[in-house]
């Protein structure tokens, strides 16, 4: 049964997830992802992971993971857009900080 968006959980990988990230990388026949990593789980089962450092993703090729990877990419974009840009600091506009 494929995972549904309602059954997926997304979270940042922790040191305890090192084996899960390595497992997904091995299944996907890819090099291990660079930290930090976001992961998608169906219950306790790791389905996919996305490196926030370079945008590479790995996923379980034996599961339907397109939705999980899409959600990871969406969450990464949301995370990037919520971080204030340093290029548009007040000092550059001539305003007091």
N, C-alpha and C. Protein backbone atom coordinates (compact mmCIF):
# COMPACT_ATOMS: atom_id res chain seq x y z
N UNK A 1 0.84 -1.17 0.00
CA UNK A 1 0.00 0.00 0.00
C UNK A 1 0.89 1.24 0.00
N UNK A 2 0.67 2.19 -0.92
CA UNK A 2 1.51 3.37 -0.97
C UNK A 2 1.21 4.30 0.21
N UNK A 3 2.23 5.02 0.62
CA UNK A 3 2.05 5.99 1.69
C UNK A 3 1.23 7.15 1.17
N UNK A 4 0.35 7.65 1.99
CA UNK A 4 -0.43 8.82 1.63
C UNK A 4 0.16 10.02 2.33
N UNK A 5 -0.07 11.23 1.81
CA UNK A 5 0.49 12.40 2.49
C UNK A 5 0.08 12.46 3.96
N UNK A 6 -1.10 11.97 4.31
CA UNK A 6 -1.54 12.00 5.70
C UNK A 6 -0.74 11.05 6.57
N UNK A 7 -0.18 9.99 5.99
CA UNK A 7 0.58 9.03 6.79
C UNK A 7 2.07 9.34 6.83
N UNK A 8 2.51 10.32 6.08
CA UNK A 8 3.93 10.68 6.05
C UNK A 8 4.26 11.65 7.17
N UNK A 9 5.46 11.50 7.69
CA UNK A 9 5.99 12.50 8.61
C UNK A 9 7.33 12.96 8.06
N UNK A 10 7.57 14.25 8.17
CA UNK A 10 8.82 14.85 7.72
C UNK A 10 9.52 15.40 8.94
N UNK A 11 10.83 15.20 8.99
CA UNK A 11 11.61 15.78 10.08
C UNK A 11 13.07 15.82 9.71
N UNK A 12 13.81 16.64 10.46
CA UNK A 12 15.25 16.70 10.27
C UNK A 12 15.88 15.42 10.78
N UNK A 13 16.86 14.93 10.05
CA UNK A 13 17.59 13.75 10.49
C UNK A 13 18.41 14.10 11.72
N UNK A 14 18.51 13.15 12.62
CA UNK A 14 19.32 13.29 13.82
C UNK A 14 20.45 12.27 13.74
N UNK A 15 21.40 12.32 14.66
CA UNK A 15 22.45 11.29 14.66
C UNK A 15 21.88 9.87 14.71
N UNK A 16 20.73 9.70 15.33
CA UNK A 16 20.11 8.37 15.40
C UNK A 16 19.62 7.89 14.03
N UNK A 17 19.51 8.81 13.06
CA UNK A 17 19.03 8.45 11.72
C UNK A 17 20.17 8.14 10.74
N UNK A 18 21.39 8.13 11.22
CA UNK A 18 22.54 7.89 10.34
C UNK A 18 22.38 6.60 9.55
N UNK A 19 21.96 5.54 10.22
CA UNK A 19 21.78 4.25 9.52
C UNK A 19 20.66 4.32 8.49
N UNK A 20 19.58 5.02 8.80
CA UNK A 20 18.46 5.13 7.88
C UNK A 20 18.87 5.89 6.62
N UNK A 21 19.63 6.97 6.79
CA UNK A 21 20.11 7.74 5.63
C UNK A 21 21.05 6.88 4.80
N UNK A 22 21.94 6.16 5.45
CA UNK A 22 22.87 5.27 4.73
C UNK A 22 22.10 4.17 4.00
N UNK A 23 21.08 3.62 4.66
CA UNK A 23 20.24 2.57 4.06
C UNK A 23 19.55 3.08 2.80
N UNK A 24 18.95 4.26 2.87
CA UNK A 24 18.27 4.83 1.70
C UNK A 24 19.28 5.12 0.58
N UNK A 25 20.45 5.63 0.94
CA UNK A 25 21.48 5.91 -0.06
C UNK A 25 21.92 4.64 -0.76
N UNK A 26 22.08 3.58 0.02
CA UNK A 26 22.50 2.29 -0.55
C UNK A 26 21.42 1.72 -1.47
N UNK A 27 20.17 1.77 -1.02
CA UNK A 27 19.07 1.28 -1.86
C UNK A 27 18.98 2.06 -3.17
N UNK A 28 19.22 3.36 -3.07
CA UNK A 28 19.11 4.25 -4.23
C UNK A 28 20.39 4.23 -5.08
N UNK A 29 21.38 3.47 -4.63
CA UNK A 29 22.68 3.39 -5.31
C UNK A 29 23.30 4.76 -5.50
N UNK A 30 23.27 5.56 -4.42
CA UNK A 30 23.81 6.91 -4.44
C UNK A 30 24.80 7.08 -3.29
N UNK A 31 25.62 8.11 -3.40
CA UNK A 31 26.51 8.45 -2.29
C UNK A 31 25.67 8.99 -1.14
N UNK A 32 26.20 8.86 0.06
CA UNK A 32 25.48 9.36 1.24
C UNK A 32 25.26 10.86 1.10
N UNK A 33 24.13 11.31 1.59
CA UNK A 33 23.77 12.72 1.51
C UNK A 33 24.58 13.56 2.48
N UNK A 34 24.85 14.79 2.04
CA UNK A 34 25.53 15.76 2.92
C UNK A 34 24.53 16.32 3.92
N UNK A 35 24.98 16.52 5.15
CA UNK A 35 24.13 17.12 6.19
C UNK A 35 23.97 18.61 5.94
N UNK A 36 22.90 19.21 6.41
CA UNK A 36 21.75 18.64 7.11
C UNK A 36 20.80 17.94 6.14
N UNK A 37 20.02 17.00 6.69
CA UNK A 37 19.14 16.16 5.89
C UNK A 37 17.73 16.21 6.45
N UNK A 38 16.76 16.34 5.54
CA UNK A 38 15.34 16.18 5.88
C UNK A 38 14.94 14.77 5.49
N UNK A 39 14.09 14.14 6.29
CA UNK A 39 13.67 12.77 6.00
C UNK A 39 12.15 12.66 5.97
N UNK A 40 11.67 11.72 5.17
CA UNK A 40 10.25 11.38 5.11
C UNK A 40 10.09 9.95 5.60
N UNK A 41 9.15 9.75 6.51
CA UNK A 41 8.88 8.44 7.08
C UNK A 41 7.41 8.09 6.88
N UNK A 42 7.16 6.81 6.66
CA UNK A 42 5.81 6.26 6.71
C UNK A 42 5.78 5.44 8.00
N UNK A 43 5.25 6.02 9.04
CA UNK A 43 5.37 5.40 10.37
C UNK A 43 6.82 5.45 10.78
N UNK A 44 7.42 4.29 11.05
CA UNK A 44 8.83 4.20 11.40
C UNK A 44 9.72 3.91 10.20
N UNK A 45 9.11 3.65 9.06
CA UNK A 45 9.85 3.25 7.85
C UNK A 45 10.38 4.46 7.09
N UNK A 46 11.71 4.58 6.93
CA UNK A 46 12.25 5.68 6.14
C UNK A 46 11.94 5.47 4.66
N UNK A 47 11.40 6.50 4.02
CA UNK A 47 11.06 6.40 2.59
C UNK A 47 12.00 7.21 1.72
N UNK A 48 12.37 8.40 2.18
CA UNK A 48 13.18 9.29 1.34
C UNK A 48 13.92 10.27 2.23
N UNK A 49 14.97 10.84 1.67
CA UNK A 49 15.76 11.84 2.38
C UNK A 49 16.26 12.87 1.38
N UNK A 50 16.42 14.09 1.84
CA UNK A 50 16.85 15.20 0.99
C UNK A 50 17.93 15.99 1.72
N UNK A 51 19.05 16.22 1.03
CA UNK A 51 20.12 17.03 1.60
C UNK A 51 19.75 18.50 1.44
N UNK A 52 19.75 19.23 2.55
CA UNK A 52 19.50 20.67 2.48
C UNK A 52 20.75 21.41 2.01
N UNK A 53 21.89 20.73 2.03
CA UNK A 53 23.15 21.34 1.59
C UNK A 53 23.21 21.47 0.07
N UNK A 54 22.77 20.42 -0.63
CA UNK A 54 22.91 20.46 -2.10
C UNK A 54 21.66 20.04 -2.87
N UNK A 55 20.58 19.71 -2.17
CA UNK A 55 19.32 19.39 -2.85
C UNK A 55 19.21 17.98 -3.40
N UNK A 56 20.24 17.15 -3.20
CA UNK A 56 20.15 15.77 -3.67
C UNK A 56 19.18 14.98 -2.82
N UNK A 57 18.46 14.08 -3.46
CA UNK A 57 17.50 13.24 -2.74
C UNK A 57 17.81 11.77 -3.00
N UNK A 58 17.49 10.94 -2.03
CA UNK A 58 17.55 9.49 -2.18
C UNK A 58 16.22 8.94 -1.68
N UNK A 59 15.82 7.81 -2.26
CA UNK A 59 14.54 7.24 -1.88
C UNK A 59 14.56 5.73 -2.05
N UNK A 60 13.64 5.08 -1.36
CA UNK A 60 13.49 3.64 -1.46
C UNK A 60 12.91 3.30 -2.83
N UNK A 61 13.68 2.61 -3.69
CA UNK A 61 13.19 2.32 -5.04
C UNK A 61 12.10 1.24 -5.07
N UNK A 62 11.86 0.61 -3.93
CA UNK A 62 10.85 -0.45 -3.86
C UNK A 62 9.53 0.07 -3.30
N UNK A 63 9.43 1.38 -3.12
CA UNK A 63 8.20 2.00 -2.62
C UNK A 63 7.84 3.17 -3.53
N UNK A 64 6.59 3.56 -3.46
CA UNK A 64 6.15 4.75 -4.20
C UNK A 64 6.56 5.97 -3.37
N UNK A 65 7.57 6.67 -3.86
CA UNK A 65 8.16 7.74 -3.06
C UNK A 65 8.11 9.11 -3.74
N UNK A 66 7.51 9.21 -4.91
CA UNK A 66 7.49 10.49 -5.61
C UNK A 66 6.83 11.57 -4.77
N UNK A 67 5.72 11.25 -4.11
CA UNK A 67 5.04 12.24 -3.27
C UNK A 67 5.91 12.63 -2.07
N UNK A 68 6.59 11.65 -1.49
CA UNK A 68 7.45 11.93 -0.33
C UNK A 68 8.59 12.87 -0.74
N UNK A 69 9.22 12.61 -1.88
CA UNK A 69 10.32 13.48 -2.34
C UNK A 69 9.78 14.87 -2.67
N UNK A 70 8.60 14.94 -3.29
CA UNK A 70 7.99 16.24 -3.60
C UNK A 70 7.71 17.03 -2.33
N UNK A 71 7.22 16.37 -1.29
CA UNK A 71 6.96 17.05 -0.02
C UNK A 71 8.27 17.51 0.64
N UNK A 72 9.31 16.70 0.56
CA UNK A 72 10.61 17.11 1.10
C UNK A 72 11.12 18.35 0.38
N UNK A 73 11.00 18.37 -0.95
CA UNK A 73 11.46 19.54 -1.72
C UNK A 73 10.63 20.78 -1.38
N UNK A 74 9.32 20.61 -1.23
CA UNK A 74 8.45 21.72 -0.85
C UNK A 74 8.83 22.26 0.52
N UNK A 75 9.05 21.37 1.47
CA UNK A 75 9.43 21.80 2.82
C UNK A 75 10.78 22.51 2.81
N UNK A 76 11.71 22.03 2.01
CA UNK A 76 13.01 22.69 1.91
C UNK A 76 12.85 24.10 1.33
N UNK A 77 12.00 24.26 0.32
CA UNK A 77 11.75 25.60 -0.25
C UNK A 77 11.11 26.50 0.79
N UNK A 78 10.14 25.98 1.55
CA UNK A 78 9.49 26.78 2.59
C UNK A 78 10.51 27.21 3.63
N UNK A 79 11.39 26.30 3.98
CA UNK A 79 12.41 26.60 4.99
C UNK A 79 13.35 27.70 4.49
N UNK A 80 13.76 27.61 3.22
CA UNK A 80 14.65 28.64 2.65
C UNK A 80 13.95 30.00 2.58
N UNK A 81 12.68 30.02 2.23
CA UNK A 81 11.99 31.29 2.08
C UNK A 81 11.66 31.93 3.43
N UNK A 82 11.68 31.17 4.51
CA UNK A 82 11.39 31.72 5.83
C UNK A 82 12.64 32.29 6.50
N UNK A 83 13.82 32.02 5.94
CA UNK A 83 15.07 32.55 6.48
C UNK A 83 15.29 33.93 5.87
N UNK A 84 15.39 34.98 6.70
CA UNK A 84 15.58 36.33 6.15
C UNK A 84 16.85 36.42 5.32
N UNK A 85 16.76 37.13 4.24
CA UNK A 85 17.91 37.31 3.37
C UNK A 85 18.87 38.32 3.99
N UNK A 86 20.13 37.97 4.03
CA UNK A 86 21.14 38.88 4.56
C UNK A 86 21.47 39.97 3.54
N UNK A 87 21.17 39.71 2.27
CA UNK A 87 21.49 40.68 1.23
C UNK A 87 20.60 41.93 1.33
N UNK A 88 19.46 41.80 1.97
CA UNK A 88 18.55 42.93 2.07
C UNK A 88 18.50 43.48 3.50
N UNK A 89 19.66 43.52 4.15
CA UNK A 89 19.73 44.03 5.52
C UNK A 89 19.41 45.51 5.58
N UNK A 90 19.04 45.99 6.77
CA UNK A 90 18.68 47.39 6.94
C UNK A 90 19.82 48.32 6.58
N UNK A 91 21.07 47.92 6.91
CA UNK A 91 22.21 48.76 6.64
C UNK A 91 22.35 49.09 5.15
N UNK A 92 21.99 48.19 4.32
CA UNK A 92 22.09 48.41 2.88
C UNK A 92 21.06 49.41 2.40
N UNK A 93 19.94 49.51 3.08
CA UNK A 93 18.90 50.45 2.69
C UNK A 93 19.11 51.81 3.33
N UNK A 94 20.14 51.93 4.14
CA UNK A 94 20.42 53.19 4.79
C UNK A 94 19.53 53.44 6.02
N UNK A 95 18.90 52.39 6.54
CA UNK A 95 18.05 52.52 7.70
C UNK A 95 18.78 52.03 8.92
N UNK A 96 18.42 52.56 10.06
CA UNK A 96 19.02 52.08 11.31
C UNK A 96 18.47 50.70 11.63
N UNK A 97 19.32 49.86 12.16
CA UNK A 97 18.89 48.51 12.50
C UNK A 97 18.17 48.46 13.82
